[in-house]
Structure formats: structure tokens, C-alpha cells
Amino acid sequence: MKKAKFGSVPPKTQKLPDGRFRVYLNVEKDTERNVIHRDDSDVEDVEEYDVYLCDEFDMDKEPSYETLIEALIRQKYSVSDELAIMRQRDEKPEEFSVYNAFAEECKALAKTIFND
């Protein structure tokens, strides 16, 4: 995921010119300051304005609750990795626990986008 900054609230999803889709996650409002120094004066003007910081995530499939969860999980785990973890969940409970916590985080992120 890459970081992005907007001057207004970003859309939740956006179709890109190449046919892929971009999803904006973890949107946070912040304030930035711009200090203006004037050559003819010792006075500084300060401008404050709102910005929105977020993570941007590109997908090949059209975003839905399910496809976003899958794409987020695929960043860390392949299908083969998932199958191995599921097959060995009793023998390697710590590994399964880490995987399961990550999958739940992905579901929570998708829920913030699709409000399911």
C-alpha cells in the first residue's frame, strides 16, 4: 500500500484509466500549516488547512467486500499459504492465530469501505 494525501475527503473507491480499481483505506483528517515569510517584513503569516491522509490500494477486480478482503489477504498470504495454515492449524496454533488475526484486520478494513 502507498500513502496518499488529499485536500478533501477522498472517494472510497475509484476506477483507474487502465481498468483497475483503487481503494482508499484508513482515511484520517489532519491539519497542515504553511508559514509565509515576507521579504519586506518580519511578520510571518500562517495558513492552516485540512488534509486527508490515507492508504491507497490497487486491485484488478472491481472492489466489493469479499474481493477487497481477498486482495488484502493476498498481499501477505498466497492461496497455498492459506491452505497449509488451515491444514496445520492444530499442529501450529500460533501460526494459525497470526493468520487469523490478520484476516480479521482485513475484514475490518473492508467493512469500513463497504459498511457491511
PDB file of N, CA and C in Angstrom:
ATOM      1  N   MET A   1       0.845  -1.187   0.000  1.00  0.00           N
ATOM      2  CA  MET A   1       0.000   0.000   0.000  1.00  0.00           C
ATOM      3  C   MET A   1       0.879   1.235   0.000  1.00  0.00           C
ATOM      4  N   LYS A   2       0.399   2.239  -0.678  1.00  0.00           N
ATOM      5  CA  LYS A   2       1.098   3.513  -0.717  1.00  0.00           C
ATOM      6  C   LYS A   2       0.301   4.535   0.085  1.00  0.00           C
ATOM      7  N   LYS A   3       0.975   5.570   0.523  1.00  0.00           N
ATOM      8  CA  LYS A   3       0.324   6.664   1.232  1.00  0.00           C
ATOM      9  C   LYS A   3      -0.162   7.700   0.226  1.00  0.00           C
ATOM     10  N   ALA A   4      -1.271   8.353   0.549  1.00  0.00           N
ATOM     11  CA  ALA A   4      -1.816   9.400  -0.315  1.00  0.00           C
ATOM     12  C   ALA A   4      -2.297  10.552   0.555  1.00  0.00           C
ATOM     13  N   LYS A   5      -2.347  11.740  -0.043  1.00  0.00           N
ATOM     14  CA  LYS A   5      -2.827  12.935   0.663  1.00  0.00           C
ATOM     15  C   LYS A   5      -3.795  13.668  -0.255  1.00  0.00           C
ATOM     16  N   PHE A   6      -4.918  14.089   0.318  1.00  0.00           N
ATOM     17  CA  PHE A   6      -5.952  14.796  -0.427  1.00  0.00           C
ATOM     18  C   PHE A   6      -6.307  16.098   0.272  1.00  0.00           C
ATOM     19  N   GLY A   7      -6.781  17.056  -0.491  1.00  0.00           N
ATOM     20  CA  GLY A   7      -7.266  18.312   0.057  1.00  0.00           C
ATOM     21  C   GLY A   7      -8.713  18.243   0.500  1.00  0.00           C
ATOM     22  N   SER A   8      -9.405  17.160   0.115  1.00  0.00           N
ATOM     23  CA  SER A   8     -10.777  16.927   0.555  1.00  0.00           C
ATOM     24  C   SER A   8     -10.918  15.427   0.807  1.00  0.00           C
ATOM     25  N   VAL A   9     -12.047  15.025   1.341  1.00  0.00           N
ATOM     26  CA  VAL A   9     -12.254  13.615   1.656  1.00  0.00           C
ATOM     27  C   VAL A   9     -12.142  12.800   0.359  1.00  0.00           C
ATOM     28  N   PRO A  10     -11.265  11.804   0.332  1.00  0.00           N
ATOM     29  CA  PRO A  10     -11.114  11.017  -0.894  1.00  0.00           C
ATOM     30  C   PRO A  10     -12.313  10.098  -1.107  1.00  0.00           C
ATOM     31  N   PRO A  11     -12.534   9.672  -2.353  1.00  0.00           N
ATOM     32  CA  PRO A  11     -13.597   8.699  -2.578  1.00  0.00           C
ATOM     33  C   PRO A  11     -13.195   7.368  -1.940  1.00  0.00           C
ATOM     34  N   LYS A  12     -14.153   6.509  -1.674  1.00  0.00           N
ATOM     35  CA  LYS A  12     -13.811   5.194  -1.115  1.00  0.00           C
ATOM     36  C   LYS A  12     -13.134   4.322  -2.168  1.00  0.00           C
ATOM     37  N   THR A  13     -13.639   4.394  -3.390  1.00  0.00           N
ATOM     38  CA  THR A  13     -13.048   3.641  -4.489  1.00  0.00           C
ATOM     39  C   THR A  13     -13.012   4.521  -5.734  1.00  0.00           C
ATOM     40  N   GLN A  14     -12.151   4.130  -6.673  1.00  0.00           N
ATOM     41  CA  GLN A  14     -12.013   4.895  -7.910  1.00  0.00           C
ATOM     42  C   GLN A  14     -11.593   3.935  -9.016  1.00  0.00           C
ATOM     43  N   LYS A  15     -12.240   4.050 -10.177  1.00  0.00           N
ATOM     44  CA  LYS A  15     -11.821   3.254 -11.338  1.00  0.00           C
ATOM     45  C   LYS A  15     -10.683   3.993 -12.029  1.00  0.00           C
ATOM     46  N   LEU A  16      -9.598   3.289 -12.285  1.00  0.00           N
ATOM     47  CA  LEU A  16      -8.423   3.872 -12.913  1.00  0.00           C
ATOM     48  C   LEU A  16      -8.512   3.746 -14.431  1.00  0.00           C
ATOM     49  N   PRO A  17      -7.806   4.609 -15.163  1.00  0.00           N
ATOM     50  CA  PRO A  17      -7.855   4.565 -16.628  1.00  0.00           C
ATOM     51  C   PRO A  17      -7.450   3.215 -17.228  1.00  0.00           C
ATOM     52  N   ASP A  18      -6.588   2.472 -16.524  1.00  0.00           N
ATOM     53  CA  ASP A  18      -6.135   1.178 -17.051  1.00  0.00           C
ATOM     54  C   ASP A  18      -7.102   0.032 -16.744  1.00  0.00           C
ATOM     55  N   GLY A  19      -8.276   0.361 -16.168  1.00  0.00           N
ATOM     56  CA  GLY A  19      -9.283  -0.659 -15.881  1.00  0.00           C
ATOM     57  C   GLY A  19      -9.193  -1.250 -14.487  1.00  0.00           C
ATOM     58  N   ARG A  20      -8.112  -0.974 -13.771  1.00  0.00           N
ATOM     59  CA  ARG A  20      -8.000  -1.455 -12.391  1.00  0.00           C
ATOM     60  C   ARG A  20      -8.780  -0.519 -11.485  1.00  0.00           C
ATOM     61  N   PHE A  21      -8.777  -0.820 -10.202  1.00  0.00           N
ATOM     62  CA  PHE A  21      -9.518  -0.035  -9.231  1.00  0.00           C
ATOM     63  C   PHE A  21      -8.604   0.347  -8.085  1.00  0.00           C
ATOM     64  N   ARG A  22      -8.833   1.517  -7.529  1.00  0.00           N
ATOM     65  CA  ARG A  22      -8.076   1.991  -6.372  1.00  0.00           C
ATOM     66  C   ARG A  22      -9.052   2.144  -5.208  1.00  0.00           C
ATOM     67  N   VAL A  23      -8.622   1.645  -4.052  1.00  0.00           N
ATOM     68  CA  VAL A  23      -9.409   1.748  -2.821  1.00  0.00           C
ATOM     69  C   VAL A  23      -8.608   2.596  -1.848  1.00  0.00           C
ATOM     70  N   TYR A  24      -9.291   3.520  -1.173  1.00  0.00           N
ATOM     71  CA  TYR A  24      -8.638   4.393  -0.189  1.00  0.00           C
ATOM     72  C   TYR A  24      -9.049   3.940   1.204  1.00  0.00           C
ATOM     73  N   LEU A  25      -8.054   3.543   1.997  1.00  0.00           N
ATOM     74  CA  LEU A  25      -8.276   2.964   3.320  1.00  0.00           C
ATOM     75  C   LEU A  25      -7.652   3.827   4.413  1.00  0.00           C
ATOM     76  N   ASN A  26      -8.150   3.667   5.616  1.00  0.00           N
ATOM     77  CA  ASN A  26      -7.567   4.327   6.799  1.00  0.00           C
ATOM     78  C   ASN A  26      -7.492   5.841   6.649  1.00  0.00           C
ATOM     79  N   VAL A  27      -8.568   6.452   6.202  1.00  0.00           N
ATOM     80  CA  VAL A  27      -8.586   7.901   5.989  1.00  0.00           C
ATOM     81  C   VAL A  27      -8.560   8.613   7.336  1.00  0.00           C
ATOM     82  N   GLU A  28      -7.637   9.544   7.473  1.00  0.00           N
ATOM     83  CA  GLU A  28      -7.518  10.351   8.690  1.00  0.00           C
ATOM     84  C   GLU A  28      -7.404  11.819   8.319  1.00  0.00           C
ATOM     85  N   LYS A  29      -8.140  12.643   9.038  1.00  0.00           N
ATOM     86  CA  LYS A  29      -8.076  14.086   8.814  1.00  0.00           C
ATOM     87  C   LYS A  29      -6.914  14.652   9.629  1.00  0.00           C
ATOM     88  N   ASP A  30      -6.186  15.576   9.018  1.00  0.00           N
ATOM     89  CA  ASP A  30      -5.054  16.211   9.680  1.00  0.00           C
ATOM     90  C   ASP A  30      -5.055  17.691   9.303  1.00  0.00           C
ATOM     91  N   THR A  31      -4.282  18.464  10.008  1.00  0.00           N
ATOM     92  CA  THR A  31      -4.145  19.887   9.698  1.00  0.00           C
ATOM     93  C   THR A  31      -2.692  20.162   9.351  1.00  0.00           C
ATOM     94  N   GLU A  32      -2.495  20.874   8.258  1.00  0.00           N
ATOM     95  CA  GLU A  32      -1.146  21.285   7.880  1.00  0.00           C
ATOM     96  C   GLU A  32      -1.040  22.791   7.984  1.00  0.00           C
ATOM     97  N   ARG A  33       0.179  23.235   8.220  1.00  0.00           N
ATOM     98  CA  ARG A  33       0.443  24.680   8.346  1.00  0.00           C
ATOM     99  C   ARG A  33       1.415  25.088   7.264  1.00  0.00           C
ATOM    100  N   ASN A  34       1.166  26.238   6.713  1.00  0.00           N
ATOM    101  CA  ASN A  34       2.054  26.830   5.723  1.00  0.00           C
ATOM    102  C   ASN A  34       2.482  28.191   6.263  1.00  0.00           C
ATOM    103  N   VAL A  35       3.765  28.338   6.540  1.00  0.00           N
ATOM    104  CA  VAL A  35       4.293  29.601   7.057  1.00  0.00           C
ATOM    105  C   VAL A  35       4.819  30.417   5.876  1.00  0.00           C
ATOM    106  N   ILE A  36       4.313  31.635   5.758  1.00  0.00           N
ATOM    107  CA  ILE A  36       4.704  32.522   4.663  1.00  0.00           C
ATOM    108  C   ILE A  36       5.606  33.614   5.218  1.00  0.00           C
ATOM    109  N   HIS A  37       6.830  33.660   4.716  1.00  0.00           N
ATOM    110  CA  HIS A  37       7.796  34.680   5.125  1.00  0.00           C
ATOM    111  C   HIS A  37       7.771  35.806   4.090  1.00  0.00           C
ATOM    112  N   ARG A  38       7.599  37.011   4.558  1.00  0.00           N
ATOM    113  CA  ARG A  38       7.577  38.163   3.657  1.00  0.00           C
ATOM    114  C   ARG A  38       8.958  38.839   3.686  1.00  0.00           C
ATOM    115  N   ASP A  39       9.480  39.159   2.515  1.00  0.00           N
ATOM    116  CA  ASP A  39      10.802  39.783   2.412  1.00  0.00           C
ATOM    117  C   ASP A  39      10.823  41.184   3.024  1.00  0.00           C
ATOM    118  N   ASP A  40       9.714  41.880   2.935  1.00  0.00           N
ATOM    119  CA  ASP A  40       9.683  43.275   3.378  1.00  0.00           C
ATOM    120  C   ASP A  40       9.193  43.436   4.828  1.00  0.00           C
ATOM    121  N   SER A  41       9.062  42.328   5.555  1.00  0.00           N
ATOM    122  CA  SER A  41       8.527  42.414   6.907  1.00  0.00           C
ATOM    123  C   SER A  41       9.051  41.246   7.736  1.00  0.00           C
ATOM    124  N   ASP A  42       9.074  41.464   9.071  1.00  0.00           N
ATOM    125  CA  ASP A  42       9.450  40.378   9.977  1.00  0.00           C
ATOM    126  C   ASP A  42       8.233  39.547  10.379  1.00  0.00           C
ATOM    127  N   VAL A  43       7.069  39.941   9.904  1.00  0.00           N
ATOM    128  CA  VAL A  43       5.833  39.255  10.265  1.00  0.00           C
ATOM    129  C   VAL A  43       5.678  38.013   9.386  1.00  0.00           C
ATOM    130  N   GLU A  44       5.304  36.907  10.014  1.00  0.00           N
ATOM    131  CA  GLU A  44       5.042  35.677   9.277  1.00  0.00           C
ATOM    132  C   GLU A  44       3.542  35.422   9.267  1.00  0.00           C
ATOM    133  N   ASP A  45       3.017  35.090   8.122  1.00  0.00           N
ATOM    134  CA  ASP A  45       1.625  34.684   8.026  1.00  0.00           C
ATOM    135  C   ASP A  45       1.581  33.157   8.086  1.00  0.00           C
ATOM    136  N   VAL A  46       0.606  32.650   8.807  1.00  0.00           N
ATOM    137  CA  VAL A  46       0.451  31.207   8.919  1.00  0.00           C
ATOM    138  C   VAL A  46      -0.921  30.825   8.382  1.00  0.00           C
ATOM    139  N   GLU A  47      -0.910  29.937   7.414  1.00  0.00           N
ATOM    140  CA  GLU A  47      -2.152  29.393   6.871  1.00  0.00           C
ATOM    141  C   GLU A  47      -2.309  27.973   7.398  1.00  0.00           C
ATOM    142  N   GLU A  48      -3.494  27.643   7.867  1.00  0.00           N
ATOM    143  CA  GLU A  48      -3.785  26.276   8.269  1.00  0.00           C
ATOM    144  C   GLU A  48      -4.876  25.740   7.370  1.00  0.00           C
ATOM    145  N   TYR A  49      -4.744  24.488   6.988  1.00  0.00           N
ATOM    146  CA  TYR A  49      -5.757  23.879   6.137  1.00  0.00           C
ATOM    147  C   TYR A  49      -5.833  22.384   6.438  1.00  0.00           C
ATOM    148  N   ASP A  50      -7.011  21.826   6.167  1.00  0.00           N
ATOM    149  CA  ASP A  50      -7.242  20.406   6.410  1.00  0.00           C
ATOM    150  C   ASP A  50      -6.723  19.584   5.251  1.00  0.00           C
ATOM    151  N   VAL A  51      -6.142  18.445   5.565  1.00  0.00           N
ATOM    152  CA  VAL A  51      -5.749  17.455   4.570  1.00  0.00           C
ATOM    153  C   VAL A  51      -6.246  16.094   5.052  1.00  0.00           C
ATOM    154  N   TYR A  52      -6.372  15.187   4.129  1.00  0.00           N
ATOM    155  CA  TYR A  52      -6.822  13.834   4.451  1.00  0.00           C
ATOM    156  C   TYR A  52      -5.740  12.863   4.007  1.00  0.00           C
ATOM    157  N   LEU A  53      -5.219  12.110   4.968  1.00  0.00           N
ATOM    158  CA  LEU A  53      -4.168  11.140   4.721  1.00  0.00           C
ATOM    159  C   LEU A  53      -4.784   9.749   4.692  1.00  0.00           C
ATOM    160  N   CYS A  54      -4.308   8.911   3.789  1.00  0.00           N
ATOM    161  CA  CYS A  54      -4.866   7.568   3.693  1.00  0.00           C
ATOM    162  C   CYS A  54      -3.878   6.626   3.019  1.00  0.00           C
ATOM    163  N   ASP A  55      -4.231   5.358   3.031  1.00  0.00           N
ATOM    164  CA  ASP A  55      -3.502   4.348   2.284  1.00  0.00           C
ATOM    165  C   ASP A  55      -4.268   4.103   0.998  1.00  0.00           C
ATOM    166  N   GLU A  56      -3.550   3.964  -0.116  1.00  0.00           N
ATOM    167  CA  GLU A  56      -4.214   3.615  -1.359  1.00  0.00           C
ATOM    168  C   GLU A  56      -3.779   2.223  -1.778  1.00  0.00           C
ATOM    169  N   PHE A  57      -4.753   1.462  -2.243  1.00  0.00           N
ATOM    170  CA  PHE A  57      -4.541   0.061  -2.560  1.00  0.00           C
ATOM    171  C   PHE A  57      -5.174  -0.222  -3.910  1.00  0.00           C
ATOM    172  N   ASP A  58      -4.391  -0.734  -4.859  1.00  0.00           N
ATOM    173  CA  ASP A  58      -4.897  -1.011  -6.201  1.00  0.00           C
ATOM    174  C   ASP A  58      -5.301  -2.478  -6.332  1.00  0.00           C
ATOM    175  N   MET A  59      -6.408  -2.690  -7.058  1.00  0.00           N
ATOM    176  CA  MET A  59      -6.956  -4.034  -7.266  1.00  0.00           C
ATOM    177  C   MET A  59      -7.247  -4.250  -8.742  1.00  0.00           C
ATOM    178  N   ASP A  60      -7.143  -5.492  -9.178  1.00  0.00           N
ATOM    179  CA  ASP A  60      -7.505  -5.836 -10.543  1.00  0.00           C
ATOM    180  C   ASP A  60      -9.013  -6.038 -10.684  1.00  0.00           C
ATOM    181  N   LYS A  61      -9.648  -6.574  -9.654  1.00  0.00           N
ATOM    182  CA  LYS A  61     -11.088  -6.839  -9.676  1.00  0.00           C
ATOM    183  C   LYS A  61     -11.855  -5.637  -9.138  1.00  0.00           C
ATOM    184  N   GLU A  62     -13.107  -5.519  -9.556  1.00  0.00           N
ATOM    185  CA  GLU A  62     -13.951  -4.455  -9.017  1.00  0.00           C
ATOM    186  C   GLU A  62     -14.122  -4.678  -7.517  1.00  0.00           C
ATOM    187  N   PRO A  63     -13.914  -3.641  -6.712  1.00  0.00           N
ATOM    188  CA  PRO A  63     -13.977  -3.818  -5.257  1.00  0.00           C
ATOM    189  C   PRO A  63     -15.386  -4.157  -4.767  1.00  0.00           C
ATOM    190  N   SER A  64     -15.427  -5.149  -3.928  1.00  0.00           N
ATOM    191  CA  SER A  64     -16.608  -5.496  -3.149  1.00  0.00           C
ATOM    192  C   SER A  64     -16.069  -5.916  -1.783  1.00  0.00           C
ATOM    193  N   TYR A  65     -16.943  -6.137  -0.858  1.00  0.00           N
ATOM    194  CA  TYR A  65     -16.494  -6.559   0.480  1.00  0.00           C
ATOM    195  C   TYR A  65     -15.596  -7.796   0.360  1.00  0.00           C
ATOM    196  N   GLU A  66     -16.062  -8.790  -0.375  1.00  0.00           N
ATOM    197  CA  GLU A  66     -15.338 -10.058  -0.487  1.00  0.00           C
ATOM    198  C   GLU A  66     -14.041  -9.918  -1.284  1.00  0.00           C
ATOM    199  N   THR A  67     -14.093  -9.223  -2.434  1.00  0.00           N
ATOM    200  CA  THR A  67     -12.878  -9.120  -3.255  1.00  0.00           C
ATOM    201  C   THR A  67     -11.804  -8.274  -2.576  1.00  0.00           C
ATOM    202  N   LEU A  68     -12.221  -7.286  -1.794  1.00  0.00           N
ATOM    203  CA  LEU A  68     -11.239  -6.473  -1.071  1.00  0.00           C
ATOM    204  C   LEU A  68     -10.558  -7.302   0.015  1.00  0.00           C
ATOM    205  N   ILE A  69     -11.327  -8.080   0.755  1.00  0.00           N
ATOM    206  CA  ILE A  69     -10.724  -8.941   1.784  1.00  0.00           C
ATOM    207  C   ILE A  69      -9.710  -9.885   1.141  1.00  0.00           C
ATOM    208  N   GLU A  70     -10.108 -10.523   0.055  1.00  0.00           N
ATOM    209  CA  GLU A  70      -9.212 -11.453  -0.625  1.00  0.00           C
ATOM    210  C   GLU A  70      -7.931 -10.756  -1.090  1.00  0.00           C
ATOM    211  N   ALA A  71      -8.072  -9.584  -1.711  1.00  0.00           N
ATOM    212  CA  ALA A  71      -6.897  -8.863  -2.205  1.00  0.00           C
ATOM    213  C   ALA A  71      -5.971  -8.442  -1.065  1.00  0.00           C
ATOM    214  N   LEU A  72      -6.542  -8.004   0.046  1.00  0.00           N
ATOM    215  CA  LEU A  72      -5.720  -7.610   1.198  1.00  0.00           C
ATOM    216  C   LEU A  72      -4.978  -8.814   1.770  1.00  0.00           C
ATOM    217  N   ILE A  73      -5.668  -9.938   1.889  1.00  0.00           N
ATOM    218  CA  ILE A  73      -5.020 -11.154   2.405  1.00  0.00           C
ATOM    219  C   ILE A  73      -3.910 -11.600   1.460  1.00  0.00           C
ATOM    220  N   ARG A  74      -4.123 -11.497   0.143  1.00  0.00           N
ATOM    221  CA  ARG A  74      -3.124 -11.931  -0.838  1.00  0.00           C
ATOM    222  C   ARG A  74      -1.840 -11.111  -0.773  1.00  0.00           C
ATOM    223  N   GLN A  75      -1.900  -9.932  -0.185  1.00  0.00           N
ATOM    224  CA  GLN A  75      -0.659  -9.156  -0.013  1.00  0.00           C
ATOM    225  C   GLN A  75       0.335  -9.904   0.863  1.00  0.00           C
ATOM    226  N   LYS A  76      -0.179 -10.711   1.786  1.00  0.00           N
ATOM    227  CA  LYS A  76       0.687 -11.387   2.749  1.00  0.00           C
ATOM    228  C   LYS A  76       0.700 -12.908   2.577  1.00  0.00           C
ATOM    229  N   TYR A  77      -0.433 -13.478   2.172  1.00  0.00           N
ATOM    230  CA  TYR A  77      -0.564 -14.930   2.091  1.00  0.00           C
ATOM    231  C   TYR A  77      -1.071 -15.350   0.704  1.00  0.00           C
ATOM    232  N   SER A  78      -0.391 -16.317   0.103  1.00  0.00           N
ATOM    233  CA  SER A  78      -0.899 -16.903  -1.140  1.00  0.00           C
ATOM    234  C   SER A  78      -1.996 -17.911  -0.789  1.00  0.00           C
ATOM    235  N   VAL A  79      -2.702 -18.401  -1.798  1.00  0.00           N
ATOM    236  CA  VAL A  79      -3.715 -19.431  -1.561  1.00  0.00           C
ATOM    237  C   VAL A  79      -3.044 -20.668  -0.959  1.00  0.00           C
ATOM    238  N   SER A  80      -1.879 -21.034  -1.485  1.00  0.00           N
ATOM    239  CA  SER A  80      -1.150 -22.196  -0.956  1.00  0.00           C
ATOM    240  C   SER A  80      -0.782 -21.996   0.511  1.00  0.00           C
ATOM    241  N   ASP A  81      -0.352 -20.786   0.859  1.00  0.00           N
ATOM    242  CA  ASP A  81      -0.020 -20.488   2.257  1.00  0.00           C
ATOM    243  C   ASP A  81      -1.247 -20.677   3.145  1.00  0.00           C
ATOM    244  N   GLU A  82      -2.377 -20.141   2.691  1.00  0.00           N
ATOM    245  CA  GLU A  82      -3.605 -20.264   3.487  1.00  0.00           C
ATOM    246  C   GLU A  82      -4.006 -21.718   3.685  1.00  0.00           C
ATOM    247  N   LEU A  83      -3.954 -22.488   2.600  1.00  0.00           N
ATOM    248  CA  LEU A  83      -4.331 -23.900   2.710  1.00  0.00           C
ATOM    249  C   LEU A  83      -3.419 -24.644   3.681  1.00  0.00           C
ATOM    250  N   ALA A  84      -2.121 -24.358   3.617  1.00  0.00           N
ATOM    251  CA  ALA A  84      -1.177 -25.007   4.532  1.00  0.00           C
ATOM    252  C   ALA A  84      -1.460 -24.622   5.982  1.00  0.00           C
ATOM    253  N   ILE A  85      -1.743 -23.364   6.205  1.00  0.00           N
ATOM    254  CA  ILE A  85      -2.043 -22.902   7.572  1.00  0.00           C
ATOM    255  C   ILE A  85      -3.316 -23.558   8.082  1.00  0.00           C
ATOM    256  N   MET A  86      -4.339 -23.619   7.224  1.00  0.00           N
ATOM    257  CA  MET A  86      -5.603 -24.244   7.644  1.00  0.00           C
ATOM    258  C   MET A  86      -5.407 -25.737   7.909  1.00  0.00           C
ATOM    259  N   ARG A  87      -4.638 -26.397   7.066  1.00  0.00           N
ATOM    260  CA  ARG A  87      -4.406 -27.837   7.209  1.00  0.00           C
ATOM    261  C   ARG A  87      -3.647 -28.139   8.502  1.00  0.00           C
ATOM    262  N   GLN A  88      -2.772 -27.223   8.913  1.00  0.00           N
ATOM    263  CA  GLN A  88      -1.920 -27.468  10.081  1.00  0.00           C
ATOM    264  C   GLN A  88      -2.336 -26.649  11.303  1.00  0.00           C
ATOM    265  N   ARG A  89      -3.563 -26.187  11.308  1.00  0.00           N
ATOM    266  CA  ARG A  89      -3.990 -25.298  12.398  1.00  0.00           C
ATOM    267  C   ARG A  89      -3.876 -25.944  13.773  1.00  0.00           C
ATOM    268  N   ASP A  90      -4.072 -27.260  13.872  1.00  0.00           N
ATOM    269  CA  ASP A  90      -3.954 -27.936  15.171  1.00  0.00           C
ATOM    270  C   ASP A  90      -2.498 -28.147  15.572  1.00  0.00           C
ATOM    271  N   GLU A  91      -1.629 -28.372  14.575  1.00  0.00           N
ATOM    272  CA  GLU A  91      -0.206 -28.605  14.867  1.00  0.00           C
ATOM    273  C   GLU A  91       0.553 -27.296  15.088  1.00  0.00           C
ATOM    274  N   LYS A  92       0.083 -26.217  14.461  1.00  0.00           N
ATOM    275  CA  LYS A  92       0.757 -24.921  14.565  1.00  0.00           C
ATOM    276  C   LYS A  92      -0.262 -23.832  14.934  1.00  0.00           C
ATOM    277  N   PRO A  93      -0.774 -23.899  16.162  1.00  0.00           N
ATOM    278  CA  PRO A  93      -1.829 -22.947  16.547  1.00  0.00           C
ATOM    279  C   PRO A  93      -1.374 -21.487  16.569  1.00  0.00           C
ATOM    280  N   GLU A  94      -0.112 -21.233  16.876  1.00  0.00           N
ATOM    281  CA  GLU A  94       0.372 -19.849  16.890  1.00  0.00           C
ATOM    282  C   GLU A  94       0.378 -19.260  15.485  1.00  0.00           C
ATOM    283  N   GLU A  95       0.821 -20.052  14.515  1.00  0.00           N
ATOM    284  CA  GLU A  95       0.838 -19.600  13.122  1.00  0.00           C
ATOM    285  C   GLU A  95      -0.590 -19.325  12.635  1.00  0.00           C
ATOM    286  N   PHE A  96      -1.507 -20.222  13.009  1.00  0.00           N
ATOM    287  CA  PHE A  96      -2.906 -20.017  12.636  1.00  0.00           C
ATOM    288  C   PHE A  96      -3.461 -18.761  13.299  1.00  0.00           C
ATOM    289  N   SER A  97      -3.109 -18.531  14.543  1.00  0.00           N
ATOM    290  CA  SER A  97      -3.592 -17.360  15.271  1.00  0.00           C
ATOM    291  C   SER A  97      -3.135 -16.064  14.602  1.00  0.00           C
ATOM    292  N   VAL A  98      -1.873 -16.021  14.169  1.00  0.00           N
ATOM    293  CA  VAL A  98      -1.346 -14.836  13.483  1.00  0.00           C
ATOM    294  C   VAL A  98      -2.091 -14.619  12.168  1.00  0.00           C
ATOM    295  N   TYR A  99      -2.262 -15.693  11.401  1.00  0.00           N
ATOM    296  CA  TYR A  99      -3.007 -15.610  10.139  1.00  0.00           C
ATOM    297  C   TYR A  99      -4.433 -15.142  10.384  1.00  0.00           C
ATOM    298  N   ASN A 100      -5.097 -15.741  11.354  1.00  0.00           N
ATOM    299  CA  ASN A 100      -6.499 -15.412  11.630  1.00  0.00           C
ATOM    300  C   ASN A 100      -6.657 -13.957  12.074  1.00  0.00           C
ATOM    301  N   ALA A 101      -5.739 -13.462  12.892  1.00  0.00           N
ATOM    302  CA  ALA A 101      -5.795 -12.062  13.325  1.00  0.00           C
ATOM    303  C   ALA A 101      -5.632 -11.136  12.123  1.00  0.00           C
ATOM    304  N   PHE A 102      -4.724 -11.488  11.211  1.00  0.00           N
ATOM    305  CA  PHE A 102      -4.529 -10.681  10.005  1.00  0.00           C
ATOM    306  C   PHE A 102      -5.791 -10.689   9.150  1.00  0.00           C
ATOM    307  N   ALA A 103      -6.400 -11.855   8.967  1.00  0.00           N
ATOM    308  CA  ALA A 103      -7.629 -11.954   8.174  1.00  0.00           C
ATOM    309  C   ALA A 103      -8.746 -11.114   8.804  1.00  0.00           C
ATOM    310  N   GLU A 104      -8.838 -11.109  10.116  1.00  0.00           N
ATOM    311  CA  GLU A 104      -9.859 -10.294  10.802  1.00  0.00           C
ATOM    312  C   GLU A 104      -9.592  -8.799  10.607  1.00  0.00           C
ATOM    313  N   GLU A 105      -8.322  -8.394  10.594  1.00  0.00           N
ATOM    314  CA  GLU A 105      -7.978  -6.995  10.306  1.00  0.00           C
ATOM    315  C   GLU A 105      -8.405  -6.625   8.888  1.00  0.00           C
ATOM    316  N   CYS A 106      -8.183  -7.529   7.946  1.00  0.00           N
ATOM    317  CA  CYS A 106      -8.590  -7.284   6.561  1.00  0.00           C
ATOM    318  C   CYS A 106     -10.108  -7.140   6.466  1.00  0.00           C
ATOM    319  N   LYS A 107     -10.839  -7.963   7.188  1.00  0.00           N
ATOM    320  CA  LYS A 107     -12.300  -7.876   7.194  1.00  0.00           C
ATOM    321  C   LYS A 107     -12.752  -6.551   7.790  1.00  0.00           C
ATOM    322  N   ALA A 108     -12.103  -6.120   8.852  1.00  0.00           N
ATOM    323  CA  ALA A 108     -12.473  -4.845   9.485  1.00  0.00           C
ATOM    324  C   ALA A 108     -12.207  -3.675   8.532  1.00  0.00           C
ATOM    325  N   LEU A 109     -11.083  -3.714   7.810  1.00  0.00           N
ATOM    326  CA  LEU A 109     -10.800  -2.663   6.835  1.00  0.00           C
ATOM    327  C   LEU A 109     -11.852  -2.654   5.729  1.00  0.00           C
ATOM    328  N   ALA A 110     -12.198  -3.806   5.218  1.00  0.00           N
ATOM    329  CA  ALA A 110     -13.207  -3.892   4.158  1.00  0.00           C
ATOM    330  C   ALA A 110     -14.555  -3.378   4.655  1.00  0.00           C
ATOM    331  N   LYS A 111     -14.849  -3.647   5.903  1.00  0.00           N
ATOM    332  CA  LYS A 111     -16.121  -3.187   6.467  1.00  0.00           C
ATOM    333  C   LYS A 111     -16.180  -1.662   6.531  1.00  0.00           C
ATOM    334  N   THR A 112     -15.042  -1.003   6.739  1.00  0.00           N
ATOM    335  CA  THR A 112     -15.051   0.474   6.772  1.00  0.00           C
ATOM    336  C   THR A 112     -15.363   1.056   5.401  1.00  0.00           C
ATOM    337  N   ILE A 113     -15.064   0.319   4.352  1.00  0.00           N
ATOM    338  CA  ILE A 113     -15.337   0.768   2.990  1.00  0.00           C
ATOM    339  C   ILE A 113     -16.761   0.440   2.575  1.00  0.00           C
ATOM    340  N   PHE A 114     -17.203  -0.754   2.876  1.00  0.00           N
ATOM    341  CA  PHE A 114     -18.492  -1.227   2.373  1.00  0.00           C
ATOM    342  C   PHE A 114     -19.592  -1.278   3.425  1.00  0.00           C
ATOM    343  N   ASN A 115     -19.285  -0.949   4.679  1.00  0.00           N
ATOM    344  CA  ASN A 115     -20.281  -0.853   5.762  1.00  0.00           C
ATOM    345  C   ASN A 115     -21.193  -2.068   5.836  1.00  0.00           C
ATOM    346  N   ASP A 116     -20.637  -3.251   5.646  1.00  0.00           N
ATOM    347  CA  ASP A 116     -21.433  -4.495   5.735  1.00  0.00           C
ATOM    348  C   ASP A 116     -21.503  -4.982   7.159  1.00  0.00           C
TER     349      ASP A 116
END
